[in-house]
Amino acid sequence: MGFQIVGEQRQEALGAGGGGTAVINAVERLSQVVEEETQLLRQLGSADFERLNHQKNFSLLELTRAMRVLPAHERTPILAARLGRLRDLLDENQRVLKLHLTAAEEIANLVATSIQDAASDGTYSARISRDARR
């Protein structure tokens, strides 16, 4: 899970001044949280999504703040690649979340329909069917 930048790659990603440290750390933390959530969603297990959402929000805020103060000359190709990987992780996370939300909506609609059918004594259903055919 996740990726780590080590040695010379880390120094290159951080730039000569090392101001990219906060950005690299924020990207790594956010990537780990997004990967964890995506994996848990795929496993269909229970998870503390409130905690994960909080961690994602905090990490995104941290990344945004770090990017604002990072000088342009310290935005290296390696940093751009890491941000691209994060974007890919976020796209996949969004896709998996959408599947789960669609499934939850379908289940909720089935439950609502079942409740309505069970609550109805049939008095009006035959009339509604005839009216709908006209």
N, C-alpha and C. Protein backbone atom coordinates (compact mmCIF):
# COMPACT_ATOMS: atom_id res chain seq x y z
N MET A 1 0.85 -1.17 0.00
CA MET A 1 0.00 0.00 0.00
C MET A 1 0.90 1.23 0.00
N GLY A 2 0.64 2.16 -0.94
CA GLY A 2 1.35 3.43 -0.95
C GLY A 2 2.71 3.34 -1.60
N PHE A 3 3.37 4.45 -1.64
CA PHE A 3 4.69 4.52 -2.22
C PHE A 3 5.56 5.37 -1.32
N GLN A 4 6.81 5.14 -1.35
CA GLN A 4 7.76 5.91 -0.56
C GLN A 4 8.86 6.41 -1.48
N ILE A 5 9.28 7.63 -1.26
CA ILE A 5 10.40 8.18 -2.01
C ILE A 5 11.59 8.15 -1.07
N VAL A 6 12.68 7.55 -1.55
CA VAL A 6 13.85 7.41 -0.69
C VAL A 6 15.10 7.92 -1.40
N GLY A 7 16.10 8.17 -0.62
CA GLY A 7 17.43 8.50 -1.14
C GLY A 7 17.45 9.67 -2.09
N GLU A 8 18.15 9.47 -3.22
CA GLU A 8 18.34 10.54 -4.20
C GLU A 8 17.01 10.98 -4.81
N GLN A 9 16.10 10.03 -5.02
CA GLN A 9 14.80 10.40 -5.58
C GLN A 9 14.09 11.39 -4.66
N ARG A 10 14.17 11.15 -3.37
CA ARG A 10 13.51 12.05 -2.41
C ARG A 10 14.15 13.43 -2.47
N GLN A 11 15.48 13.49 -2.52
CA GLN A 11 16.15 14.78 -2.60
C GLN A 11 15.77 15.52 -3.87
N GLU A 12 15.70 14.79 -4.98
CA GLU A 12 15.32 15.41 -6.25
C GLU A 12 13.88 15.91 -6.19
N ALA A 13 13.00 15.11 -5.59
CA ALA A 13 11.60 15.51 -5.49
C ALA A 13 11.43 16.72 -4.60
N LEU A 14 12.27 16.82 -3.59
CA LEU A 14 12.16 17.92 -2.65
C LEU A 14 12.77 19.20 -3.19
N GLY A 15 13.60 19.09 -4.19
CA GLY A 15 14.23 20.28 -4.75
C GLY A 15 15.46 20.65 -3.95
N ALA A 16 16.17 21.61 -4.48
CA ALA A 16 17.44 22.01 -3.85
C ALA A 16 17.22 22.56 -2.45
N GLY A 17 16.13 23.32 -2.26
CA GLY A 17 15.90 23.94 -0.96
C GLY A 17 15.22 23.03 0.04
N GLY A 18 14.74 21.92 -0.39
CA GLY A 18 14.07 20.99 0.52
C GLY A 18 12.68 21.44 0.93
N GLY A 19 12.15 22.49 0.28
CA GLY A 19 10.82 23.00 0.64
C GLY A 19 9.69 22.06 0.26
N GLY A 20 9.99 21.06 -0.54
CA GLY A 20 8.96 20.11 -0.96
C GLY A 20 8.68 19.02 0.05
N THR A 21 9.39 19.02 1.16
CA THR A 21 9.20 17.97 2.17
C THR A 21 7.75 17.88 2.62
N ALA A 22 7.17 19.02 2.92
CA ALA A 22 5.78 19.02 3.39
C ALA A 22 4.83 18.51 2.31
N VAL A 23 5.12 18.87 1.06
CA VAL A 23 4.26 18.42 -0.04
C VAL A 23 4.37 16.92 -0.23
N ILE A 24 5.59 16.41 -0.26
CA ILE A 24 5.79 14.96 -0.43
C ILE A 24 5.12 14.20 0.71
N ASN A 25 5.31 14.66 1.93
CA ASN A 25 4.70 13.98 3.08
C ASN A 25 3.17 14.02 3.00
N ALA A 26 2.62 15.15 2.60
CA ALA A 26 1.17 15.27 2.48
C ALA A 26 0.63 14.35 1.38
N VAL A 27 1.33 14.30 0.25
CA VAL A 27 0.92 13.42 -0.85
C VAL A 27 0.95 11.96 -0.38
N GLU A 28 1.99 11.58 0.32
CA GLU A 28 2.10 10.19 0.79
C GLU A 28 0.99 9.85 1.78
N ARG A 29 0.71 10.75 2.72
CA ARG A 29 -0.35 10.48 3.70
C ARG A 29 -1.72 10.39 3.03
N LEU A 30 -2.01 11.34 2.16
CA LEU A 30 -3.30 11.32 1.47
C LEU A 30 -3.44 10.08 0.60
N SER A 31 -2.39 9.70 -0.09
CA SER A 31 -2.42 8.50 -0.92
C SER A 31 -2.72 7.26 -0.08
N GLN A 32 -2.09 7.16 1.08
CA GLN A 32 -2.31 6.00 1.94
C GLN A 32 -3.76 5.92 2.42
N VAL A 33 -4.33 7.05 2.79
CA VAL A 33 -5.72 7.06 3.26
C VAL A 33 -6.67 6.68 2.14
N VAL A 34 -6.45 7.24 0.95
CA VAL A 34 -7.31 6.95 -0.19
C VAL A 34 -7.21 5.48 -0.57
N GLU A 35 -6.00 4.94 -0.59
CA GLU A 35 -5.82 3.51 -0.89
C GLU A 35 -6.51 2.64 0.14
N GLU A 36 -6.40 3.01 1.41
CA GLU A 36 -7.04 2.22 2.47
C GLU A 36 -8.56 2.22 2.28
N GLU A 37 -9.13 3.37 2.04
CA GLU A 37 -10.58 3.44 1.86
C GLU A 37 -11.03 2.64 0.64
N THR A 38 -10.33 2.77 -0.46
CA THR A 38 -10.68 2.05 -1.68
C THR A 38 -10.61 0.54 -1.44
N GLN A 39 -9.58 0.10 -0.76
CA GLN A 39 -9.43 -1.33 -0.47
C GLN A 39 -10.58 -1.82 0.42
N LEU A 40 -10.94 -1.06 1.44
CA LEU A 40 -12.03 -1.46 2.33
C LEU A 40 -13.37 -1.50 1.58
N LEU A 41 -13.58 -0.57 0.69
CA LEU A 41 -14.80 -0.57 -0.10
C LEU A 41 -14.87 -1.80 -1.00
N ARG A 42 -13.75 -2.17 -1.58
CA ARG A 42 -13.71 -3.35 -2.45
C ARG A 42 -13.97 -4.63 -1.67
N GLN A 43 -13.53 -4.67 -0.42
CA GLN A 43 -13.71 -5.86 0.41
C GLN A 43 -15.12 -5.98 0.95
N LEU A 44 -15.90 -4.92 0.79
CA LEU A 44 -17.29 -4.89 1.28
C LEU A 44 -17.38 -5.10 2.78
N GLY A 45 -16.32 -4.79 3.48
CA GLY A 45 -16.32 -4.93 4.93
C GLY A 45 -16.75 -3.65 5.61
N SER A 46 -16.91 -3.75 6.89
CA SER A 46 -17.25 -2.55 7.64
C SER A 46 -15.97 -1.76 7.88
N ALA A 47 -16.13 -0.47 7.89
CA ALA A 47 -14.97 0.41 8.10
C ALA A 47 -15.45 1.68 8.78
N ASP A 48 -14.54 2.35 9.39
CA ASP A 48 -14.83 3.63 10.02
C ASP A 48 -14.68 4.73 8.96
N PHE A 49 -15.73 4.87 8.14
CA PHE A 49 -15.66 5.83 7.05
C PHE A 49 -15.63 7.27 7.56
N GLU A 50 -16.17 7.50 8.73
CA GLU A 50 -16.09 8.85 9.31
C GLU A 50 -14.63 9.21 9.59
N ARG A 51 -13.87 8.26 10.13
CA ARG A 51 -12.45 8.48 10.39
C ARG A 51 -11.69 8.68 9.09
N LEU A 52 -11.97 7.83 8.11
CA LEU A 52 -11.28 7.94 6.83
C LEU A 52 -11.59 9.27 6.15
N ASN A 53 -12.84 9.69 6.21
CA ASN A 53 -13.22 10.97 5.61
C ASN A 53 -12.50 12.12 6.31
N HIS A 54 -12.43 12.05 7.63
CA HIS A 54 -11.72 13.08 8.39
C HIS A 54 -10.24 13.11 7.99
N GLN A 55 -9.63 11.95 7.88
CA GLN A 55 -8.22 11.88 7.49
C GLN A 55 -8.00 12.42 6.08
N LYS A 56 -8.92 12.09 5.16
CA LYS A 56 -8.79 12.61 3.80
C LYS A 56 -8.91 14.13 3.78
N ASN A 57 -9.89 14.65 4.50
CA ASN A 57 -10.07 16.10 4.54
C ASN A 57 -8.85 16.80 5.13
N PHE A 58 -8.34 16.25 6.22
CA PHE A 58 -7.17 16.85 6.87
C PHE A 58 -5.95 16.79 5.95
N SER A 59 -5.74 15.64 5.32
CA SER A 59 -4.59 15.48 4.43
C SER A 59 -4.70 16.39 3.21
N LEU A 60 -5.89 16.55 2.69
CA LEU A 60 -6.08 17.44 1.55
C LEU A 60 -5.81 18.89 1.94
N LEU A 61 -6.24 19.28 3.11
CA LEU A 61 -5.95 20.63 3.62
C LEU A 61 -4.45 20.81 3.78
N GLU A 62 -3.80 19.81 4.35
CA GLU A 62 -2.35 19.85 4.54
C GLU A 62 -1.63 19.99 3.20
N LEU A 63 -2.06 19.22 2.19
CA LEU A 63 -1.46 19.27 0.87
C LEU A 63 -1.68 20.64 0.22
N THR A 64 -2.88 21.15 0.32
CA THR A 64 -3.20 22.46 -0.26
C THR A 64 -2.32 23.55 0.34
N ARG A 65 -2.19 23.54 1.65
CA ARG A 65 -1.35 24.55 2.32
C ARG A 65 0.12 24.42 1.91
N ALA A 66 0.60 23.19 1.83
CA ALA A 66 2.01 22.98 1.45
C ALA A 66 2.27 23.41 0.01
N MET A 67 1.31 23.15 -0.87
CA MET A 67 1.49 23.53 -2.28
C MET A 67 1.48 25.05 -2.46
N ARG A 68 0.71 25.74 -1.64
CA ARG A 68 0.64 27.20 -1.76
C ARG A 68 1.98 27.87 -1.51
N VAL A 69 2.77 27.31 -0.60
CA VAL A 69 4.03 27.95 -0.24
C VAL A 69 5.24 27.34 -0.94
N LEU A 70 5.02 26.34 -1.77
CA LEU A 70 6.13 25.70 -2.47
C LEU A 70 6.53 26.56 -3.67
N PRO A 71 7.76 27.01 -3.70
CA PRO A 71 8.21 27.82 -4.84
C PRO A 71 8.14 27.02 -6.14
N ALA A 72 7.86 27.70 -7.22
CA ALA A 72 7.72 27.05 -8.53
C ALA A 72 8.96 26.26 -8.92
N HIS A 73 10.14 26.76 -8.58
CA HIS A 73 11.37 26.07 -8.98
C HIS A 73 11.58 24.76 -8.21
N GLU A 74 10.80 24.53 -7.17
CA GLU A 74 10.90 23.27 -6.42
C GLU A 74 9.82 22.26 -6.81
N ARG A 75 9.05 22.59 -7.82
CA ARG A 75 8.02 21.66 -8.33
C ARG A 75 8.67 20.81 -9.41
N THR A 76 9.21 19.70 -8.99
CA THR A 76 10.02 18.84 -9.85
C THR A 76 9.17 17.82 -10.61
N PRO A 77 9.75 17.20 -11.64
CA PRO A 77 9.03 16.15 -12.37
C PRO A 77 8.63 14.97 -11.47
N ILE A 78 9.46 14.65 -10.51
CA ILE A 78 9.11 13.53 -9.60
C ILE A 78 7.91 13.92 -8.75
N LEU A 79 7.88 15.15 -8.27
CA LEU A 79 6.72 15.62 -7.51
C LEU A 79 5.48 15.58 -8.40
N ALA A 80 5.60 16.02 -9.64
CA ALA A 80 4.47 15.99 -10.57
C ALA A 80 3.98 14.55 -10.78
N ALA A 81 4.92 13.61 -10.86
CA ALA A 81 4.54 12.20 -11.02
C ALA A 81 3.79 11.70 -9.79
N ARG A 82 4.23 12.08 -8.61
CA ARG A 82 3.55 11.66 -7.37
C ARG A 82 2.14 12.25 -7.30
N LEU A 83 2.01 13.49 -7.72
CA LEU A 83 0.69 14.11 -7.74
C LEU A 83 -0.20 13.45 -8.79
N GLY A 84 0.40 13.03 -9.90
CA GLY A 84 -0.36 12.29 -10.92
C GLY A 84 -0.85 10.96 -10.39
N ARG A 85 0.01 10.28 -9.65
CA ARG A 85 -0.39 9.00 -9.03
C ARG A 85 -1.52 9.22 -8.03
N LEU A 86 -1.43 10.30 -7.26
CA LEU A 86 -2.50 10.62 -6.31
C LEU A 86 -3.80 10.86 -7.05
N ARG A 87 -3.74 11.57 -8.16
CA ARG A 87 -4.94 11.81 -8.96
C ARG A 87 -5.55 10.48 -9.42
N ASP A 88 -4.72 9.55 -9.87
CA ASP A 88 -5.20 8.24 -10.29
C ASP A 88 -5.88 7.50 -9.14
N LEU A 89 -5.27 7.57 -7.95
CA LEU A 89 -5.85 6.93 -6.77
C LEU A 89 -7.21 7.56 -6.44
N LEU A 90 -7.29 8.87 -6.53
CA LEU A 90 -8.54 9.56 -6.24
C LEU A 90 -9.61 9.22 -7.27
N ASP A 91 -9.23 9.10 -8.54
CA ASP A 91 -10.19 8.71 -9.58
C ASP A 91 -10.75 7.32 -9.31
N GLU A 92 -9.88 6.39 -8.95
CA GLU A 92 -10.32 5.02 -8.65
C GLU A 92 -11.21 5.00 -7.40
N ASN A 93 -10.83 5.77 -6.39
CA ASN A 93 -11.62 5.87 -5.17
C ASN A 93 -13.02 6.41 -5.49
N GLN A 94 -13.07 7.43 -6.33
CA GLN A 94 -14.35 8.01 -6.72
C GLN A 94 -15.21 6.98 -7.45
N ARG A 95 -14.60 6.21 -8.33
CA ARG A 95 -15.33 5.18 -9.09
C ARG A 95 -15.93 4.13 -8.14
N VAL A 96 -15.13 3.67 -7.19
CA VAL A 96 -15.60 2.65 -6.25
C VAL A 96 -16.67 3.22 -5.32
N LEU A 97 -16.49 4.44 -4.86
CA LEU A 97 -17.52 5.09 -4.03
C LEU A 97 -18.83 5.23 -4.78
N LYS A 98 -18.75 5.61 -6.05
CA LYS A 98 -19.96 5.76 -6.86
C LYS A 98 -20.71 4.44 -6.99
N LEU A 99 -19.96 3.35 -7.18
CA LEU A 99 -20.60 2.02 -7.24
C LEU A 99 -21.35 1.72 -5.95
N HIS A 100 -20.72 2.01 -4.83
CA HIS A 100 -21.36 1.74 -3.54
C HIS A 100 -22.59 2.62 -3.32
N LEU A 101 -22.50 3.88 -3.70
CA LEU A 101 -23.65 4.76 -3.54
C LEU A 101 -24.80 4.35 -4.45
N THR A 102 -24.50 3.93 -5.66
CA THR A 102 -25.53 3.47 -6.58
C THR A 102 -26.21 2.22 -6.02
N ALA A 103 -25.41 1.31 -5.50
CA ALA A 103 -25.97 0.08 -4.91
C ALA A 103 -26.84 0.41 -3.70
N ALA A 104 -26.37 1.32 -2.85
CA ALA A 104 -27.15 1.71 -1.67
C ALA A 104 -28.47 2.35 -2.08
N GLU A 105 -28.45 3.16 -3.13
CA GLU A 105 -29.67 3.80 -3.61
C GLU A 105 -30.65 2.76 -4.13
N GLU A 106 -30.15 1.78 -4.87
CA GLU A 106 -31.02 0.72 -5.40
C GLU A 106 -31.64 -0.09 -4.26
N ILE A 107 -30.85 -0.39 -3.25
CA ILE A 107 -31.37 -1.14 -2.11
C ILE A 107 -32.41 -0.32 -1.36
N ALA A 108 -32.14 0.96 -1.17
CA ALA A 108 -33.10 1.83 -0.49
C ALA A 108 -34.41 1.91 -1.26
N ASN A 109 -34.34 1.97 -2.58
CA ASN A 109 -35.56 2.00 -3.40
C ASN A 109 -36.34 0.70 -3.28
N LEU A 110 -35.63 -0.43 -3.26
CA LEU A 110 -36.30 -1.73 -3.09
C LEU A 110 -36.99 -1.82 -1.73
N VAL A 111 -36.31 -1.37 -0.70
CA VAL A 111 -36.89 -1.40 0.65
C VAL A 111 -38.12 -0.49 0.71
N ALA A 112 -38.01 0.71 0.16
CA ALA A 112 -39.14 1.64 0.17
C ALA A 112 -40.33 1.07 -0.58
N THR A 113 -40.09 0.46 -1.72
CA THR A 113 -41.17 -0.16 -2.50
C THR A 113 -41.81 -1.30 -1.72
N SER A 114 -40.99 -2.11 -1.07
CA SER A 114 -41.52 -3.23 -0.28
C SER A 114 -42.37 -2.73 0.88
N ILE A 115 -41.93 -1.67 1.52
CA ILE A 115 -42.69 -1.10 2.64
C ILE A 115 -44.03 -0.55 2.13
N GLN A 116 -44.00 0.14 1.01
CA GLN A 116 -45.24 0.69 0.45
C GLN A 116 -46.20 -0.43 0.06
N ASP A 117 -45.66 -1.48 -0.55
CA ASP A 117 -46.51 -2.61 -0.95
C ASP A 117 -47.10 -3.31 0.26
N ALA A 118 -46.32 -3.46 1.31
CA ALA A 118 -46.80 -4.14 2.52
C ALA A 118 -47.82 -3.28 3.26
N ALA A 119 -47.67 -1.98 3.18
CA ALA A 119 -48.58 -1.08 3.89
C ALA A 119 -49.91 -0.92 3.16
N SER A 120 -49.92 -1.17 1.89
CA SER A 120 -51.13 -1.01 1.09
C SER A 120 -52.03 -2.23 1.26
N ASP A 121 -53.33 -1.96 1.41
CA ASP A 121 -54.26 -3.09 1.50
C ASP A 121 -54.86 -3.44 0.15
N GLY A 122 -54.37 -2.78 -0.91
CA GLY A 122 -54.84 -3.10 -2.25
C GLY A 122 -56.06 -2.33 -2.67
N THR A 123 -56.63 -1.51 -1.79
CA THR A 123 -57.86 -0.79 -2.10
C THR A 123 -57.74 0.08 -3.34
N TYR A 124 -56.64 0.79 -3.43
CA TYR A 124 -56.51 1.73 -4.53
C TYR A 124 -55.62 1.23 -5.66
N SER A 125 -54.90 0.16 -5.44
CA SER A 125 -53.93 -0.28 -6.44
C SER A 125 -54.59 -0.71 -7.74
N ALA A 126 -55.74 -1.36 -7.70
CA ALA A 126 -56.41 -1.79 -8.92
C ALA A 126 -56.90 -0.56 -9.69
N ARG A 127 -57.45 0.42 -8.99
CA ARG A 127 -57.95 1.64 -9.65
C ARG A 127 -56.77 2.41 -10.26
N ILE A 128 -55.69 2.50 -9.55
CA ILE A 128 -54.51 3.22 -10.05
C ILE A 128 -53.99 2.54 -11.31
N SER A 129 -53.99 1.22 -11.33
CA SER A 129 -53.53 0.49 -12.51
C SER A 129 -54.42 0.76 -13.70
N ARG A 130 -55.76 0.78 -13.50
CA ARG A 130 -56.68 1.07 -14.60
C ARG A 130 -56.49 2.50 -15.09
N ASP A 131 -56.33 3.44 -14.16
CA ASP A 131 -56.14 4.84 -14.54
C ASP A 131 -54.85 5.04 -15.29
N ALA A 132 -53.82 4.32 -14.93
CA ALA A 132 -52.52 4.46 -15.57
C ALA A 132 -52.54 3.94 -17.00
N ARG A 133 -53.42 2.95 -17.28
CA ARG A 133 -53.51 2.39 -18.64
C ARG A 133 -54.25 3.32 -19.60
N ARG A 134 -55.06 4.21 -19.11
CA ARG A 134 -55.86 5.10 -19.97
C ARG A 134 -55.03 6.12 -20.64
